[in-house]
C-alpha cells in the first residue's frame, strides 16, 4: 500500500476512505493506492493531520476486518 499526493484542480466533495466523512477536497489530495497504483480512495484533511503512521494503522485494521 502506498500514499499518492496529487494536485487537485476540481474542488469536489468526496468521502474519506478512513473516517467516511464527506469533505471538500483542497488544492492537494492524498490518495491511498495499492502497490500497482490502483486507487482505493481519498483521505480528508483531518485524517491527514493525524499522520501517516495513524493512517497506516487504520488501514491495517480495515484490512484485517475484511480478511476475517
N, C-alpha and C. Protein backbone atom coordinates (compact mmCIF):
# COMPACT_ATOMS: atom_id res chain seq x y z
N UNK A 1 0.83 -1.16 0.00
CA UNK A 1 0.00 0.00 0.00
C UNK A 1 0.89 1.24 0.00
N UNK A 2 0.45 2.27 -0.71
CA UNK A 2 1.25 3.48 -0.77
C UNK A 2 0.35 4.70 -0.77
N UNK A 3 0.95 5.84 -0.45
CA UNK A 3 0.26 7.12 -0.47
C UNK A 3 0.68 7.85 -1.73
N UNK A 4 -0.28 8.49 -2.38
CA UNK A 4 0.00 9.27 -3.58
C UNK A 4 -0.58 10.66 -3.37
N UNK A 5 0.21 11.68 -3.61
CA UNK A 5 -0.24 13.07 -3.47
C UNK A 5 -0.34 13.67 -4.86
N UNK A 6 -1.48 14.29 -5.13
CA UNK A 6 -1.70 14.92 -6.43
C UNK A 6 -2.26 16.32 -6.25
N UNK A 7 -2.01 17.17 -7.22
CA UNK A 7 -2.66 18.48 -7.26
C UNK A 7 -4.13 18.26 -7.61
N UNK A 8 -4.98 19.04 -7.00
CA UNK A 8 -6.41 18.94 -7.27
C UNK A 8 -6.87 20.22 -7.94
N UNK A 9 -7.43 20.09 -9.12
CA UNK A 9 -7.91 21.26 -9.85
C UNK A 9 -9.42 21.40 -9.80
N UNK A 10 -10.10 20.38 -9.28
CA UNK A 10 -11.56 20.42 -9.20
C UNK A 10 -11.98 20.29 -7.74
N UNK A 11 -12.48 21.35 -7.13
CA UNK A 11 -12.90 21.28 -5.72
C UNK A 11 -14.23 20.53 -5.57
N UNK A 12 -14.15 19.21 -5.55
CA UNK A 12 -15.36 18.40 -5.44
C UNK A 12 -15.47 17.81 -4.04
N UNK A 13 -16.66 17.36 -3.70
CA UNK A 13 -16.86 16.69 -2.42
C UNK A 13 -16.55 15.21 -2.58
N UNK A 14 -16.02 14.63 -1.54
CA UNK A 14 -15.59 13.24 -1.57
C UNK A 14 -15.80 12.64 -0.18
N UNK A 15 -15.92 11.34 -0.08
CA UNK A 15 -15.98 10.67 1.21
C UNK A 15 -14.59 10.16 1.55
N UNK A 16 -14.19 10.38 2.80
CA UNK A 16 -12.87 9.94 3.26
C UNK A 16 -12.83 8.42 3.38
N UNK A 17 -11.79 7.84 2.87
CA UNK A 17 -11.59 6.39 2.95
C UNK A 17 -11.46 5.92 4.40
N UNK A 18 -10.91 6.75 5.27
CA UNK A 18 -10.65 6.37 6.66
C UNK A 18 -11.87 6.58 7.56
N UNK A 19 -12.37 7.83 7.63
CA UNK A 19 -13.45 8.15 8.58
C UNK A 19 -14.83 8.17 7.95
N UNK A 20 -14.90 8.06 6.63
CA UNK A 20 -16.15 8.04 5.87
C UNK A 20 -16.93 9.36 5.88
N UNK A 21 -16.34 10.43 6.44
CA UNK A 21 -16.99 11.73 6.44
C UNK A 21 -16.83 12.39 5.07
N UNK A 22 -17.85 13.12 4.67
CA UNK A 22 -17.75 13.84 3.41
C UNK A 22 -16.92 15.11 3.62
N UNK A 23 -16.06 15.41 2.67
CA UNK A 23 -15.22 16.60 2.76
C UNK A 23 -15.03 17.19 1.37
N UNK A 24 -14.68 18.46 1.35
CA UNK A 24 -14.39 19.15 0.09
C UNK A 24 -12.89 19.15 -0.11
N UNK A 25 -12.45 18.58 -1.23
CA UNK A 25 -11.02 18.49 -1.49
C UNK A 25 -10.41 19.87 -1.69
N UNK A 26 -9.21 20.03 -1.19
CA UNK A 26 -8.48 21.29 -1.30
C UNK A 26 -7.55 21.24 -2.51
N UNK A 27 -6.47 22.04 -2.47
CA UNK A 27 -5.55 22.13 -3.61
C UNK A 27 -4.75 20.84 -3.83
N UNK A 28 -4.54 20.10 -2.78
CA UNK A 28 -3.81 18.83 -2.90
C UNK A 28 -4.69 17.72 -2.35
N UNK A 29 -4.50 16.53 -2.88
CA UNK A 29 -5.27 15.39 -2.38
C UNK A 29 -4.35 14.23 -2.07
N UNK A 30 -4.69 13.50 -1.02
CA UNK A 30 -3.95 12.31 -0.63
C UNK A 30 -4.78 11.11 -1.02
N UNK A 31 -4.21 10.26 -1.86
CA UNK A 31 -4.90 9.08 -2.37
C UNK A 31 -4.18 7.84 -1.85
N UNK A 32 -4.95 6.89 -1.34
CA UNK A 32 -4.40 5.62 -0.91
C UNK A 32 -4.49 4.65 -2.08
N UNK A 33 -3.36 4.05 -2.44
CA UNK A 33 -3.28 3.16 -3.60
C UNK A 33 -2.68 1.81 -3.19
N UNK A 34 -2.96 0.80 -4.01
CA UNK A 34 -2.27 -0.47 -3.81
C UNK A 34 -0.89 -0.38 -4.45
N UNK A 35 -0.10 -1.42 -4.36
CA UNK A 35 1.27 -1.40 -4.87
C UNK A 35 1.33 -1.26 -6.39
N UNK A 36 0.22 -1.57 -7.08
CA UNK A 36 0.18 -1.41 -8.53
C UNK A 36 -0.27 -0.01 -8.94
N UNK A 37 -0.64 0.83 -7.98
CA UNK A 37 -1.07 2.19 -8.28
C UNK A 37 -2.56 2.38 -8.43
N UNK A 38 -3.35 1.31 -8.19
CA UNK A 38 -4.80 1.42 -8.26
C UNK A 38 -5.31 2.13 -7.01
N UNK A 39 -6.20 3.10 -7.20
CA UNK A 39 -6.69 3.93 -6.10
C UNK A 39 -7.75 3.21 -5.27
N UNK A 40 -7.60 3.32 -3.94
CA UNK A 40 -8.65 2.86 -3.01
C UNK A 40 -9.56 4.01 -2.62
N UNK A 41 -9.01 5.23 -2.53
CA UNK A 41 -9.82 6.38 -2.18
C UNK A 41 -8.97 7.51 -1.62
N UNK A 42 -9.66 8.63 -1.31
CA UNK A 42 -9.01 9.83 -0.81
C UNK A 42 -9.12 9.91 0.71
N UNK A 43 -8.22 10.69 1.30
CA UNK A 43 -8.19 10.89 2.74
C UNK A 43 -8.45 12.36 3.03
N UNK A 44 -9.33 12.64 4.00
CA UNK A 44 -9.69 14.01 4.34
C UNK A 44 -8.55 14.71 5.08
N UNK A 45 -8.58 16.05 5.12
CA UNK A 45 -7.54 16.81 5.82
C UNK A 45 -7.42 16.47 7.31
N UNK A 46 -8.54 16.18 7.96
CA UNK A 46 -8.48 15.83 9.39
C UNK A 46 -7.70 14.54 9.62
N UNK A 47 -7.98 13.53 8.82
CA UNK A 47 -7.25 12.27 8.95
C UNK A 47 -5.79 12.45 8.52
N UNK A 48 -5.54 13.26 7.48
CA UNK A 48 -4.17 13.54 7.06
C UNK A 48 -3.37 14.14 8.21
N UNK A 49 -4.02 15.02 8.96
CA UNK A 49 -3.37 15.71 10.07
C UNK A 49 -2.92 14.77 11.18
N UNK A 50 -3.49 13.59 11.24
CA UNK A 50 -3.11 12.60 12.26
C UNK A 50 -1.83 11.87 11.89
N UNK A 51 -1.40 11.99 10.66
CA UNK A 51 -0.12 11.43 10.25
C UNK A 51 -0.19 10.10 9.55
N UNK A 52 0.90 9.79 8.86
CA UNK A 52 0.99 8.57 8.04
C UNK A 52 0.91 7.31 8.89
N UNK A 53 1.54 7.30 10.07
CA UNK A 53 1.50 6.10 10.90
C UNK A 53 0.08 5.79 11.36
N UNK A 54 -0.66 6.83 11.74
CA UNK A 54 -2.04 6.63 12.18
C UNK A 54 -2.90 6.12 11.02
N UNK A 55 -2.74 6.73 9.84
CA UNK A 55 -3.50 6.30 8.66
C UNK A 55 -3.18 4.84 8.35
N UNK A 56 -1.91 4.50 8.37
CA UNK A 56 -1.49 3.13 8.08
C UNK A 56 -2.10 2.13 9.08
N UNK A 57 -2.14 2.49 10.36
CA UNK A 57 -2.72 1.58 11.36
C UNK A 57 -4.21 1.40 11.13
N UNK A 58 -4.91 2.48 10.75
CA UNK A 58 -6.34 2.38 10.45
C UNK A 58 -6.58 1.48 9.24
N UNK A 59 -5.75 1.64 8.22
CA UNK A 59 -5.90 0.81 7.02
C UNK A 59 -5.64 -0.66 7.33
N UNK A 60 -4.69 -0.93 8.21
CA UNK A 60 -4.42 -2.32 8.60
C UNK A 60 -5.60 -2.90 9.36
N UNK A 61 -6.27 -2.09 10.18
CA UNK A 61 -7.45 -2.56 10.90
C UNK A 61 -8.56 -2.91 9.91
N UNK A 62 -8.77 -2.04 8.90
CA UNK A 62 -9.79 -2.31 7.88
C UNK A 62 -9.45 -3.57 7.12
N UNK A 63 -8.19 -3.73 6.76
CA UNK A 63 -7.75 -4.90 6.00
C UNK A 63 -7.99 -6.17 6.80
N UNK A 64 -7.69 -6.10 8.09
CA UNK A 64 -7.90 -7.28 8.95
C UNK A 64 -9.38 -7.64 9.04
N UNK A 65 -10.23 -6.64 9.17
CA UNK A 65 -11.68 -6.89 9.24
C UNK A 65 -12.20 -7.52 7.96
N UNK A 66 -11.65 -7.10 6.80
CA UNK A 66 -12.09 -7.65 5.53
C UNK A 66 -11.64 -9.09 5.33
N UNK A 67 -10.50 -9.44 5.89
CA UNK A 67 -9.97 -10.79 5.68
C UNK A 67 -10.54 -11.81 6.65
N UNK A 68 -11.28 -11.36 7.67
CA UNK A 68 -11.84 -12.30 8.67
C UNK A 68 -13.16 -12.83 8.18
